[in-house]
Amino acid sequence: MSSAFDCKALRAELGVTRAAAERIMQALPVVLIEDLRKTYARRDDVRRYLDSRMFVEDQVPA
């Protein structure tokens, strides 16, 4: 099983703001654990999402 991130761990791992981490989490399927309010995202899903959002200079969407 791959590891999982909550929003705080995602912020620390990527060095992004809370708002950026929350937006990334909203774009991903989440893992919900019974009786917990906190949601998690799988590391593989985060990596796949970030890879899909990588652009070279002349490819950046408007």
Protein backbone atom coordinates (compact mmCIF):
# COMPACT_ATOMS: atom_id res chain seq x y z
CA MET A 1 0.00 0.00 0.00
CA SER A 2 1.26 3.47 -0.79
CA SER A 3 1.55 6.08 1.92
CA ALA A 4 -1.05 8.78 2.40
CA PHE A 5 -0.97 12.52 2.99
CA ASP A 6 -3.30 14.71 4.93
CA CYS A 7 -3.34 18.41 4.05
CA LYS A 8 -0.69 19.30 6.63
CA ALA A 9 1.69 16.57 5.45
CA LEU A 10 1.15 17.63 1.84
CA ARG A 11 2.10 21.21 2.73
CA ALA A 12 5.31 20.03 4.41
CA GLU A 13 6.23 17.59 1.63
CA LEU A 14 5.69 20.06 -1.22
CA GLY A 15 6.55 23.29 0.58
CA VAL A 16 3.30 24.93 -0.54
CA THR A 17 0.77 27.15 1.20
CA ARG A 18 -2.24 25.79 3.04
CA ALA A 19 -4.49 27.08 0.25
CA ALA A 20 -2.42 25.31 -2.41
CA ALA A 21 -2.43 22.04 -0.44
CA GLU A 22 -6.20 22.25 0.00
CA ARG A 23 -6.71 22.84 -3.74
CA ILE A 24 -4.52 19.85 -4.56
CA MET A 25 -6.48 17.70 -2.10
CA GLN A 26 -9.75 18.82 -3.73
CA ALA A 27 -8.48 17.64 -7.13
CA LEU A 28 -7.70 14.12 -5.86
CA PRO A 29 -9.68 11.09 -4.82
CA VAL A 30 -9.65 11.02 -1.04
CA VAL A 31 -9.26 8.24 1.47
CA LEU A 32 -11.81 8.39 4.27
CA ILE A 33 -11.19 6.36 7.41
CA GLU A 34 -14.25 5.37 9.38
CA ASP A 35 -14.95 7.61 12.39
CA LEU A 36 -12.30 10.19 11.41
CA ARG A 37 -13.04 13.66 10.02
CA LYS A 38 -9.64 13.98 8.37
CA THR A 39 -9.26 13.01 4.72
CA TYR A 40 -6.15 11.65 3.10
CA ALA A 41 -4.77 11.41 -0.43
CA ARG A 42 -2.57 8.59 -1.63
CA ARG A 43 1.03 9.50 -2.47
CA ASP A 44 0.68 7.88 -5.91
CA ASP A 45 -2.37 10.05 -6.69
CA VAL A 46 -0.50 13.19 -5.63
CA ARG A 47 2.48 12.27 -7.83
CA ARG A 48 0.22 11.47 -10.80
CA TYR A 49 -1.68 14.77 -10.38
CA LEU A 50 1.51 16.84 -10.15
CA ASP A 51 2.99 15.07 -13.18
CA SER A 52 -0.16 15.90 -15.16
CA ARG A 53 0.22 19.58 -14.22
CA MET A 54 3.88 19.91 -15.33
CA PHE A 55 4.38 22.06 -18.40
CA VAL A 56 7.33 23.42 -20.31
CA GLU A 57 7.33 27.14 -20.89
CA ASP A 58 5.57 27.07 -24.28
CA GLN A 59 2.88 24.65 -23.06
CA VAL A 60 1.53 26.56 -20.06
CA PRO A 61 -2.27 26.74 -20.38
CA ALA A 62 -3.78 30.21 -20.48
